[in-house]
Protein backbone atom coordinates (compact mmCIF):
# COMPACT_ATOMS: atom_id res chain seq x y z
CA MET A 1 -10.12 20.79 -178.96
CA ARG A 2 -6.35 19.97 -179.55
CA PRO A 3 -5.89 16.22 -179.77
CA GLU A 4 -2.97 14.32 -179.89
CA ASP A 5 -2.35 12.48 -183.10
CA SER A 6 -3.35 9.13 -181.43
CA GLU A 7 -6.57 10.68 -180.29
CA LEU A 8 -7.75 12.26 -183.35
CA GLN A 9 -9.58 9.68 -185.12
CA GLU A 10 -11.50 8.44 -182.13
CA LEU A 11 -12.65 12.22 -181.32
CA VAL A 12 -13.76 12.58 -185.06
CA GLN A 13 -15.71 9.26 -185.10
CA ASP A 14 -17.43 10.26 -181.71
CA LEU A 15 -18.50 13.76 -183.27
CA HIS A 16 -19.89 11.88 -186.21
CA GLN A 17 -21.81 9.45 -184.24
CA ARG A 18 -23.49 12.30 -182.47
CA ALA A 19 -23.79 14.37 -185.69
CA SER A 20 -22.20 17.15 -184.05
CA PRO A 21 -20.90 20.12 -186.20
CA TRP A 22 -17.45 21.20 -185.66
CA LEU A 23 -14.87 23.46 -187.44
CA PRO A 24 -11.57 22.11 -188.64
CA ALA A 25 -8.56 24.42 -187.78
CA GLY A 26 -4.76 24.74 -187.84
CA CYS A 27 -3.43 27.13 -185.27
CA GLY A 28 -6.48 29.20 -185.21
CA SER A 29 -4.90 32.41 -186.28
CA ARG A 30 -7.30 33.31 -188.88
CA LEU A 31 -10.67 31.71 -187.71
CA ASP A 32 -12.45 35.12 -188.38
CA TRP A 33 -11.74 35.15 -191.90
CA GLY A 34 -14.68 34.34 -194.13
CA PRO A 35 -18.27 34.00 -193.32
CA PRO A 36 -19.40 33.17 -189.81
CA VAL A 37 -19.95 29.39 -189.03
CA GLN A 38 -23.48 28.64 -188.00
CA ALA A 39 -24.24 27.82 -184.48
CA ALA A 40 -20.70 28.63 -183.01
CA PRO A 41 -19.51 24.78 -183.27
CA PRO A 42 -16.49 23.51 -181.32
CA VAL A 43 -13.15 24.05 -182.86
CA LEU A 44 -10.98 21.05 -183.89
CA SER A 45 -7.33 22.21 -183.98
CA THR A 46 -4.40 20.21 -185.50
CA ALA A 47 -2.06 22.41 -183.39
CA ARG A 48 -0.66 19.32 -181.75
CA LEU A 49 0.04 17.64 -185.07
CA ASN A 50 3.07 19.39 -185.69
CA ARG A 51 5.79 17.29 -186.68
CA ILE A 52 8.04 17.39 -189.82
CA VAL A 53 7.55 13.89 -190.88
CA ALA A 54 10.03 13.73 -193.68
CA LEU A 55 12.52 16.08 -195.13
CA ASN A 56 14.19 15.06 -198.33
CA PRO A 57 16.52 17.80 -199.48
CA GLU A 58 17.97 15.69 -202.33
CA ASP A 59 14.42 15.15 -203.82
CA PHE A 60 13.34 18.69 -202.85
CA THR A 61 10.14 17.52 -200.87
CA VAL A 62 9.05 17.84 -197.39
CA THR A 63 6.18 16.00 -195.66
CA VAL A 64 4.74 17.83 -192.50
CA GLN A 65 1.75 17.45 -190.12
CA ALA A 66 -0.94 20.03 -190.88
CA GLY A 67 -0.63 21.91 -187.66
CA THR A 68 3.16 22.69 -188.10
CA PRO A 69 3.59 26.47 -188.04
CA LEU A 70 4.84 27.74 -191.30
CA VAL A 71 7.69 29.84 -189.80
CA VAL A 72 8.96 26.67 -188.06
CA LEU A 73 9.23 24.77 -191.30
CA GLN A 74 10.80 27.64 -193.37
CA GLN A 75 13.36 27.97 -190.52
CA GLU A 76 14.21 24.01 -190.82
CA LEU A 77 14.33 24.32 -194.82
CA ALA A 78 16.69 27.35 -194.39
CA HIS A 79 19.38 24.93 -192.78
CA HIS A 80 19.37 23.17 -195.87
CA ARG A 81 19.37 26.21 -198.17
CA GLN A 82 15.77 25.61 -199.24
CA TRP A 83 12.38 27.13 -199.03
CA LEU A 84 8.78 27.00 -199.75
CA ALA A 85 8.15 29.60 -202.42
CA LEU A 86 5.12 31.30 -200.50
CA ASP A 87 4.68 34.57 -198.97
CA TRP A 88 3.78 35.03 -195.23
CA PRO A 89 0.17 35.22 -195.08
CA TRP A 90 -1.52 38.58 -194.43
CA GLY A 91 -1.28 39.73 -190.90
CA SER A 92 2.01 37.81 -190.26
CA GLY A 93 4.90 39.77 -188.73
CA PRO A 94 8.07 40.84 -190.70
CA ARG A 95 9.79 37.56 -189.62
CA GLY A 96 6.97 35.20 -190.01
CA GLU A 97 5.29 35.52 -186.50
CA ASN A 98 1.52 34.66 -186.46
CA SER A 99 2.09 32.94 -189.85
CA GLY A 100 -0.29 30.25 -188.97
CA SER A 101 -0.10 26.45 -190.03
CA VAL A 102 0.91 24.79 -193.00
CA GLY A 103 -2.51 22.98 -193.22
CA GLY A 104 -4.26 26.26 -192.76
CA LEU A 105 -2.31 27.73 -195.54
CA VAL A 106 -3.46 25.00 -197.90
CA ALA A 107 -7.13 25.18 -196.53
CA ARG A 108 -7.18 28.94 -197.44
CA GLY A 109 -5.25 28.45 -200.78
CA LEU A 110 -2.87 31.29 -199.85
CA ALA A 111 0.20 31.99 -201.96
CA GLY A 112 0.86 35.76 -202.52
CA GLY A 113 2.93 37.50 -205.06
CA TYR A 114 5.67 34.64 -205.46
CA ARG A 115 3.06 32.74 -207.58
CA GLN A 116 4.29 35.16 -210.39
CA ARG A 117 7.36 32.78 -210.72
CA TYR A 118 6.54 29.76 -208.41
CA LEU A 119 2.80 29.32 -209.05
CA GLY A 120 0.29 28.90 -206.27
CA VAL A 121 0.28 26.50 -203.10
CA ARG A 122 -1.83 23.93 -204.85
CA ASP A 123 0.66 23.65 -207.58
CA GLN A 124 3.12 23.10 -204.94
CA LEU A 125 1.36 20.47 -203.24
CA ILE A 126 2.20 16.84 -204.04
CA GLY A 127 0.64 14.72 -201.39
CA ILE A 128 -2.17 15.14 -198.78
CA GLY A 129 -3.44 13.16 -196.00
CA LEU A 130 -6.96 13.97 -194.56
CA MET A 131 -9.67 12.78 -192.31
CA ARG A 132 -13.20 12.79 -193.45
CA ALA A 133 -16.15 13.70 -191.34
CA ASP A 134 -16.78 10.19 -190.40
CA GLY A 135 -13.27 9.55 -189.04
CA THR A 136 -12.02 7.88 -192.22
CA ALA A 137 -8.42 8.50 -192.91
CA ALA A 138 -7.16 8.94 -196.61
CA ARG A 139 -4.39 10.03 -198.63
CA ALA A 140 -3.76 11.38 -201.92
CA GLY A 141 -0.66 11.77 -203.84
CA GLY A 142 2.83 11.00 -202.88
CA GLN A 143 6.01 11.99 -201.66
CA VAL A 144 7.81 12.44 -204.99
CA VAL A 145 7.38 15.24 -207.51
CA LYS A 146 6.73 13.01 -210.46
CA ASN A 147 3.91 11.15 -208.64
CA VAL A 148 0.58 12.62 -209.78
CA ALA A 149 -1.90 9.80 -208.31
CA GLY A 150 -4.72 11.81 -206.42
CA TYR A 151 -4.17 15.06 -208.48
CA ASP A 152 -7.88 16.11 -208.25
CA LEU A 153 -8.46 15.33 -204.61
CA MET A 154 -5.40 17.60 -203.66
CA ARG A 155 -6.59 20.46 -205.48
CA LEU A 156 -10.15 19.87 -204.36
CA LEU A 157 -9.25 20.34 -200.92
CA THR A 158 -6.91 23.40 -201.57
CA ALA A 159 -8.99 26.60 -200.58
CA SER A 160 -11.85 24.26 -199.46
CA TRP A 161 -11.91 26.35 -196.04
CA GLY A 162 -12.49 23.09 -194.05
CA SER A 163 -15.67 22.37 -195.58
CA LEU A 164 -14.73 18.92 -196.91
CA ALA A 165 -12.25 17.36 -194.62
CA LEU A 166 -9.56 17.95 -192.08
CA ILE A 167 -6.25 18.22 -193.51
CA THR A 168 -3.88 16.29 -191.38
CA GLU A 169 -0.67 16.11 -193.38
CA VAL A 170 0.77 17.67 -196.56
CA THR A 171 3.75 16.94 -198.72
CA LEU A 172 5.16 19.87 -200.66
CA ARG A 173 7.91 20.46 -203.25
CA THR A 174 10.57 22.78 -201.98
CA LEU A 175 13.11 24.88 -203.93
CA PRO A 176 16.69 26.12 -203.48
CA GLN A 177 16.95 29.54 -201.78
CA PRO A 178 18.26 31.80 -204.63
CA PRO A 179 21.84 33.06 -203.40
CA GLU A 180 21.16 36.63 -204.95
CA ARG A 181 18.13 38.89 -204.86
CA ARG A 182 17.52 42.44 -205.61
CA GLY A 183 14.34 44.53 -204.86
CA LEU A 184 13.18 47.60 -206.82
CA TRP A 185 10.35 50.13 -205.99
CA LEU A 186 8.88 52.06 -209.12
CA SER A 187 6.42 54.70 -208.85
CA GLY A 188 4.77 57.12 -211.42
CA PRO A 189 1.60 57.65 -213.26
CA ALA A 190 -0.84 54.74 -213.30
CA GLN A 191 -0.69 54.50 -217.06
CA ALA A 192 3.17 54.49 -216.96
CA LEU A 193 3.22 51.75 -214.36
CA ALA A 194 0.69 49.72 -216.31
CA ALA A 195 3.18 49.97 -219.41
CA MET A 196 6.15 49.04 -217.30
CA ALA A 197 4.14 45.93 -215.84
CA ARG A 198 3.31 44.75 -219.28
CA TRP A 199 6.95 45.27 -220.45
CA LEU A 200 8.31 43.26 -217.37
CA LEU A 201 5.72 40.47 -217.93
CA ASP A 202 6.63 40.04 -221.58
CA SER A 203 10.39 40.22 -220.78
CA SER A 204 12.95 37.61 -220.08
CA LEU A 205 14.02 39.14 -216.47
CA SER A 206 14.06 36.60 -213.80
CA SER A 207 11.32 38.21 -211.76
CA GLU A 208 10.18 36.38 -208.75
CA ARG A 209 7.31 38.96 -208.22
CA ILE A 210 5.85 42.04 -209.98
CA ASP A 211 3.30 43.56 -207.39
CA TRP A 212 1.11 46.64 -207.78
CA GLN A 213 1.07 47.97 -204.12
CA GLN A 214 -0.43 50.70 -202.18
CA GLY A 215 0.96 51.14 -198.52
CA ALA A 216 3.04 53.36 -196.33
CA ALA A 217 5.50 53.90 -199.09
CA GLY A 218 2.81 55.10 -201.40
CA SER A 219 1.63 53.25 -204.59
CA GLY A 220 3.75 51.65 -207.14
CA LEU A 221 5.30 48.54 -208.63
CA LEU A 222 7.28 46.15 -206.25
CA LEU A 223 9.77 44.08 -208.10
CA SER A 224 11.82 41.12 -206.69
CA LEU A 225 14.73 39.52 -208.79
CA ALA A 226 16.23 36.35 -207.85
CA SER A 227 19.25 34.61 -209.61
CA ILE A 228 22.33 32.55 -208.71
CA SER A 229 24.53 35.20 -210.37
CA ALA A 230 25.07 38.77 -208.76
CA GLN A 231 26.46 39.83 -212.09
CA THR A 232 23.22 38.67 -214.03
CA LEU A 233 20.93 40.52 -211.49
CA GLU A 234 23.17 43.74 -211.72
CA GLU A 235 22.67 43.61 -215.41
CA GLN A 236 18.90 43.13 -215.26
CA VAL A 237 18.55 46.01 -212.74
CA ALA A 238 20.49 48.10 -215.17
CA CYS A 239 18.12 47.20 -218.00
CA ILE A 240 15.14 48.16 -215.84
CA ARG A 241 16.72 51.50 -214.90
CA GLU A 242 17.18 52.09 -218.40
CA ARG A 243 13.83 51.38 -219.64
CA ALA A 244 12.23 53.29 -216.71
CA PRO A 245 12.70 56.83 -217.95
CA GLU A 246 11.46 56.06 -221.27
CA LEU A 247 8.17 55.07 -219.64
CA GLN A 248 7.99 57.89 -217.30
CA VAL A 249 8.66 55.81 -214.34
CA GLN A 250 11.13 56.68 -211.39
CA GLU A 251 12.82 54.35 -208.92
CA LEU A 252 12.61 54.93 -205.16
CA GLN A 253 14.39 53.32 -202.26
CA PRO A 254 12.33 52.54 -199.34
CA GLU A 255 15.07 50.69 -197.40
CA GLU A 256 13.08 48.63 -195.06
CA LEU A 257 10.68 47.21 -197.71
CA LEU A 258 13.61 46.37 -200.09
CA GLU A 259 15.57 44.79 -197.31
CA ARG A 260 12.81 42.41 -196.56
CA ILE A 261 12.56 41.46 -200.39
CA GLY A 262 16.37 40.95 -200.37
CA HIS A 263 16.08 38.35 -197.71
CA GLY A 264 13.09 36.38 -199.48
CA GLN A 265 10.77 37.54 -196.62
CA GLY A 266 7.68 38.27 -198.86
CA HIS A 267 5.90 41.31 -200.00
CA GLY A 268 7.48 43.67 -197.32
CA ILE A 269 4.37 45.94 -197.56
CA ASP A 270 3.47 47.90 -194.17
CA GLN A 271 0.72 45.75 -192.31
CA SER A 272 0.56 48.10 -189.33
CA VAL A 273 -3.09 47.94 -190.11
CA ALA A 274 -3.28 44.09 -189.74
CA THR A 275 -5.89 44.32 -187.34
CA SER A 276 -8.07 46.37 -189.48
CA PRO A 277 -11.74 45.17 -189.83
CA TRP A 278 -11.92 45.29 -193.66
CA LEU A 279 -9.97 42.62 -195.53
CA LEU A 280 -10.90 41.68 -198.87
CA ARG A 281 -9.65 39.42 -201.71
CA LEU A 282 -10.18 40.30 -205.08
CA GLY A 283 -9.22 38.85 -208.59
CA VAL A 284 -9.48 40.11 -212.23
CA ARG A 285 -7.90 39.42 -215.37
CA PRO A 286 -4.28 40.84 -215.47
CA SER A 287 -5.39 43.05 -218.46
CA ALA A 288 -8.28 44.50 -216.28
CA LEU A 289 -6.12 45.10 -213.13
CA ALA A 290 -5.19 48.86 -213.95
CA SER A 291 -8.82 49.45 -214.26
CA LEU A 292 -9.85 47.88 -210.91
CA LEU A 293 -6.84 49.68 -209.27
CA ALA A 294 -8.12 53.09 -210.44
CA GLU A 295 -11.64 52.30 -208.90
CA ARG A 296 -12.31 55.15 -206.18
CA SER A 297 -13.03 52.72 -203.14
CA LEU A 298 -9.58 51.28 -203.47
CA ALA A 299 -7.96 54.74 -202.95
CA ARG A 300 -9.06 54.54 -199.36
CA MET A 301 -7.26 51.22 -198.71
CA HIS A 302 -3.95 49.36 -198.59
CA TRP A 303 -3.57 46.78 -201.38
CA SER A 304 -1.40 44.32 -202.96
CA PHE A 305 -2.11 42.53 -206.33
CA GLY A 306 0.05 40.21 -208.54
CA ALA A 307 0.71 41.79 -211.94
CA GLY A 308 0.94 38.54 -213.52
CA SER A 309 -2.14 37.01 -211.90
CA GLY A 310 -4.53 39.81 -211.07
CA LEU A 311 -4.99 38.44 -207.60
CA GLY A 312 -4.68 40.39 -204.42
CA LEU A 313 -5.73 41.47 -201.08
CA ALA A 314 -7.10 44.94 -199.97
CA TRP A 315 -7.46 46.14 -196.38
CA ALA A 316 -8.55 49.05 -194.39
CA PRO A 317 -9.59 50.46 -191.10
CA GLY A 318 -13.62 50.14 -190.42
CA ASP A 319 -14.19 53.77 -190.89
CA ALA A 320 -12.46 53.94 -194.31
CA LEU A 321 -15.26 52.31 -196.03
CA ALA A 322 -19.20 51.91 -195.87
CA GLY A 323 -20.72 48.19 -196.62
CA TYR A 324 -22.38 49.79 -199.69
CA GLN A 325 -19.05 50.72 -201.18
CA VAL A 326 -17.84 47.41 -200.90
CA GLU A 327 -20.88 45.81 -202.49
CA ALA A 328 -20.37 48.60 -205.32
CA LEU A 329 -16.62 47.34 -205.60
CA ARG A 330 -17.94 43.65 -205.69
CA ARG A 331 -20.31 44.72 -208.71
CA PHE A 332 -17.33 46.57 -210.44
CA CYS A 333 -15.28 43.43 -210.17
CA ASP A 334 -18.20 41.34 -211.55
CA GLY A 335 -18.31 43.83 -214.53
CA LEU A 336 -14.65 43.12 -215.17
CA GLY A 337 -15.19 39.27 -215.10
CA GLY A 338 -13.68 39.04 -211.76
CA HIS A 339 -14.68 38.35 -208.07
CA LEU A 340 -14.47 39.75 -204.55
CA ALA A 341 -14.57 37.88 -201.31
CA VAL A 342 -14.99 39.58 -197.99
CA LEU A 343 -12.62 37.96 -195.69
CA ARG A 344 -13.15 40.30 -192.69
CA GLN A 345 -15.60 43.13 -192.14
CA PRO A 346 -16.55 45.36 -189.09
CA ALA A 347 -19.12 44.43 -186.64
CA GLY A 348 -22.62 45.27 -187.55
CA THR A 349 -22.01 44.66 -191.35
CA ALA A 350 -23.56 41.94 -193.24
CA ILE A 351 -22.04 41.50 -196.59
CA PRO A 352 -21.95 37.94 -197.87
CA ALA A 353 -18.48 36.74 -197.85
CA TRP A 354 -18.80 35.36 -201.42
CA ARG A 355 -21.58 34.85 -203.83
CA ASP A 356 -22.96 31.83 -205.44
CA ALA A 357 -20.70 30.38 -208.10
CA PRO A 358 -22.02 29.12 -211.34
CA SER A 359 -21.03 25.73 -210.38
CA ARG A 360 -23.02 25.69 -206.93
CA PRO A 361 -24.90 22.64 -207.57
CA LEU A 362 -21.77 20.69 -208.36
CA ILE A 363 -20.07 22.06 -205.15
CA GLU A 364 -23.16 21.15 -202.96
CA ALA A 365 -23.03 17.71 -204.36
CA ILE A 366 -19.49 17.17 -203.59
CA LYS A 367 -20.06 18.50 -200.05
CA ARG A 368 -22.74 15.86 -199.53
CA GLN A 369 -20.55 13.12 -200.62
CA PHE A 370 -17.61 14.13 -198.33
CA ASP A 371 -19.93 15.44 -195.40
CA PRO A 372 -23.33 13.84 -195.70
CA LYS A 373 -24.38 15.11 -192.11
CA GLN A 374 -23.15 18.48 -193.11
CA GLN A 375 -20.76 18.68 -189.93
CA LEU A 376 -17.75 20.61 -191.09
CA ALA A 377 -17.76 24.37 -190.91
CA PRO A 378 -21.46 24.81 -191.18
CA GLY A 379 -22.53 27.71 -193.45
CA ARG A 380 -18.62 28.03 -194.76
CA LEU A 381 -18.70 26.49 -198.09
CA PRO A 382 -16.84 28.20 -200.86
CA GLY A 383 -18.76 29.09 -203.79
CA VAL A 384 -22.40 28.89 -201.97
CA GLN A 385 -23.35 32.11 -200.56
CA PRO A 386 -23.84 31.95 -196.89
CA THR A 387 -27.15 32.36 -195.27
CA PRO A 388 -27.28 35.53 -193.01
CA LEU A 389 -26.86 34.67 -189.42
CA ALA A 390 -29.54 36.17 -187.01
CA GLY A 391 -28.38 39.46 -185.35
CA ARG A 392 -26.04 40.35 -188.38
């Protein structure tokens, strides 16, 4: 279902009256992520809600309908030398193809390595429009950065996976595009890279991202530096190059990867296996990240983790891992005080996408308040372990 803006409320009200389950969606590019929804309900897409409602370059804010493709919004902001400080989501093309919608980005809580400097998507969200399961339209927040009304509701819907309401509109803060960027790729023994990462995090260098990565270029640290001054960046690069030999780290120059970093096009990691069945989202304390990356199962995967956040993704072909190895990896993350979510898995496996959170009773109470008939994304409530579906 792809209703026009004028048709949306009536359609949702009709679904509510019939107590019919449905799945909120943006462009529908990542509907296979997470646990399968129960009973294969119809998908209600906001793909036709794709207007840029208000762009205020002077205030560094933009309001868009939720179905607006991220790549379209970034292109429009580029005309004003601004951008959303977010990665292309995993599985996007090198120029943002298949990047999905802005509303979908918020609903999944995606941000990527740029959170090192610019924080996550929920921290860039300053206003939101939504439609509840009964067709009631509501708003929270505002259109200026200093407005903090509705703060809790905006963060509640971020990473809610469509389980509480349909996001119809978002207002986000924008940033000036850095006129100068530099990318560095550092390799070496794991302990040496860990020491380098600690030094970088404690330094005053203007890092946009400090990512542990393993891909086609091997494993190492990917750095992106940004500034208004080319001279400042050259001085910072020189400082890193001077420090690297002391820590037994060497600099490599994978040209395509660093070119993409130089143009602010995200992590630059090879996603030629973007259709691979295994896709995991992991998170541990930054101090425990080196221990996680040394775990044997991750050696078979490509991955990207923020050194400052401890959050990242890992992906692999279906024959690279067995289900029991993913479960063991989850237990290892739990032992480090972290978490693991299975966003995609091969057919025939039945690993829960996520486990119960300690706050499950509270999460379920909030769900009942927002969706008393349990219509939205049945079986897909973050923090509540999904019930296995028959045949899986």
